[in-house]
Amino acid sequence: MSKFSLGSTALAALLALPPQPAWSQQALEGKVVGTRLTHCDFKPGGCAGTLTLEATGTTNPVEIEVPLGTPIRQGAGQVYLPALRGKTVSVVLAVDKAGKTARSIDVKGEKP
């Protein structure tokens, strides 16, 4: 068997595999009704924990994991996770089997 046919066979086998499950990305907006801090270095992106969001258009609160390094912005400034309680935010998040994980958080309608 030539190298070309072996490569073609391997490629055909790879293409025949079902797609692997991956995380999907979505955005949610709503009011933060709770935060839980698990770690904070008191520097931008230095807080980790969870936030509970009353998402617009839903009746049940949504719990979102906020990993260390997640950018949390209010205008041009940075905000710490505990300061989000009571604020309206827009969250870009990844959704997978483990749950919802924030990729970025922006505070809406307020000046720093």
Protein backbone atom coordinates (compact mmCIF):
# COMPACT_ATOMS: atom_id res chain seq x y z
CA MET A 1 0.00 0.00 0.00
CA SER A 2 1.41 3.42 -0.90
CA LYS A 3 1.81 6.30 1.53
CA PHE A 4 -0.91 8.20 -0.34
CA SER A 5 -3.52 5.48 -0.01
CA LEU A 6 -2.67 4.94 3.66
CA GLY A 7 -3.09 8.68 4.29
CA SER A 8 -6.39 8.70 2.39
CA THR A 9 -7.64 5.74 4.40
CA ALA A 10 -6.70 7.41 7.67
CA LEU A 11 -8.37 10.64 6.58
CA ALA A 12 -11.54 8.78 5.55
CA ALA A 13 -11.62 7.02 8.93
CA LEU A 14 -11.16 10.33 10.75
CA LEU A 15 -13.99 11.96 8.80
CA ALA A 16 -16.28 9.03 9.56
CA LEU A 17 -15.97 9.56 13.33
CA PRO A 18 -18.94 11.28 14.98
CA PRO A 19 -18.27 14.85 16.12
CA GLN A 20 -16.99 15.13 19.68
CA PRO A 21 -19.21 17.01 22.11
CA ALA A 22 -17.86 20.47 22.83
CA TRP A 23 -18.95 23.46 24.82
CA SER A 24 -21.27 25.94 23.25
CA GLN A 25 -21.09 29.65 23.82
CA GLN A 26 -24.05 31.85 24.70
CA ALA A 27 -24.77 35.21 26.29
CA LEU A 28 -27.15 35.92 29.16
CA GLU A 29 -28.24 39.25 30.57
CA GLY A 30 -29.94 39.86 33.89
CA LYS A 31 -29.61 40.95 37.50
CA VAL A 32 -27.03 39.39 39.82
CA VAL A 33 -28.93 38.18 42.90
CA GLY A 34 -26.00 36.50 44.62
CA THR A 35 -22.26 35.89 44.52
CA ARG A 36 -20.05 33.37 46.28
CA LEU A 37 -16.34 34.08 46.43
CA THR A 38 -13.94 31.15 46.58
CA HIS A 39 -10.69 33.03 45.88
CA CYS A 40 -9.63 36.67 45.43
CA ASP A 41 -6.23 38.24 44.81
CA PHE A 42 -7.71 41.78 44.65
CA LYS A 43 -6.35 42.46 41.19
CA PRO A 44 -8.24 42.56 37.86
CA GLY A 45 -9.38 39.03 36.98
CA GLY A 46 -8.15 37.81 40.36
CA CYS A 47 -11.47 36.63 41.81
CA ALA A 48 -13.09 33.22 41.40
CA GLY A 49 -16.41 31.81 42.59
CA THR A 50 -19.98 31.74 41.37
CA LEU A 51 -22.70 34.23 40.60
CA THR A 52 -26.44 33.67 40.61
CA LEU A 53 -28.21 35.49 37.81
CA GLU A 54 -31.90 36.30 37.43
CA ALA A 55 -31.68 36.10 33.64
CA THR A 56 -34.00 38.19 31.51
CA GLY A 57 -36.87 36.05 30.22
CA THR A 58 -36.42 33.18 32.69
CA THR A 59 -38.13 32.34 35.96
CA ASN A 60 -35.39 30.27 37.60
CA PRO A 61 -32.07 31.77 38.73
CA VAL A 62 -29.00 30.57 36.82
CA GLU A 63 -25.79 29.68 38.66
CA ILE A 64 -22.63 30.52 36.70
CA GLU A 65 -19.09 29.47 37.59
CA VAL A 66 -16.61 32.38 37.46
CA PRO A 67 -13.06 31.00 37.10
CA LEU A 68 -9.91 32.89 38.07
CA GLY A 69 -8.91 35.24 35.25
CA THR A 70 -12.44 36.00 34.02
CA PRO A 71 -12.57 39.66 32.92
CA ILE A 72 -15.27 41.60 34.81
CA ARG A 73 -15.69 45.08 33.31
CA GLN A 74 -17.71 48.17 34.11
CA GLY A 75 -17.10 50.70 31.33
CA ALA A 76 -13.33 51.00 30.97
CA GLY A 77 -12.72 49.85 34.56
CA GLN A 78 -12.46 46.48 36.27
CA VAL A 79 -14.87 45.21 38.94
CA TYR A 80 -14.45 42.49 41.56
CA LEU A 81 -16.91 39.60 41.69
CA PRO A 82 -18.49 40.52 45.09
CA ALA A 83 -19.36 44.03 43.77
CA LEU A 84 -21.72 42.55 41.14
CA ARG A 85 -24.58 41.83 43.56
CA GLY A 86 -27.66 43.85 42.56
CA LYS A 87 -26.19 44.97 39.23
CA THR A 88 -27.44 44.20 35.73
CA VAL A 89 -24.80 42.34 33.75
CA SER A 90 -24.22 40.67 30.41
CA VAL A 91 -22.34 37.38 30.68
CA VAL A 92 -20.68 35.53 27.80
CA LEU A 93 -20.47 31.93 28.94
CA ALA A 94 -19.55 28.44 27.89
CA VAL A 95 -22.08 25.68 28.46
CA ASP A 96 -21.01 22.04 28.76
CA LYS A 97 -21.88 18.94 30.76
CA ALA A 98 -20.30 20.43 33.88
CA GLY A 99 -22.50 23.54 33.75
CA LYS A 100 -22.18 27.20 32.83
CA THR A 101 -18.80 28.95 33.00
CA ALA A 102 -18.34 32.71 32.51
CA ARG A 103 -15.86 33.80 29.84
CA SER A 104 -16.48 37.54 30.39
CA ILE A 105 -18.84 39.74 32.41
CA ASP A 106 -19.88 43.31 31.59
CA VAL A 107 -21.86 45.56 33.96
CA LYS A 108 -24.66 47.33 32.07
CA GLY A 109 -25.94 50.88 32.30
CA GLU A 110 -23.68 52.22 35.05
CA LYS A 111 -20.54 54.31 35.19
CA PRO A 112 -17.59 53.12 37.29
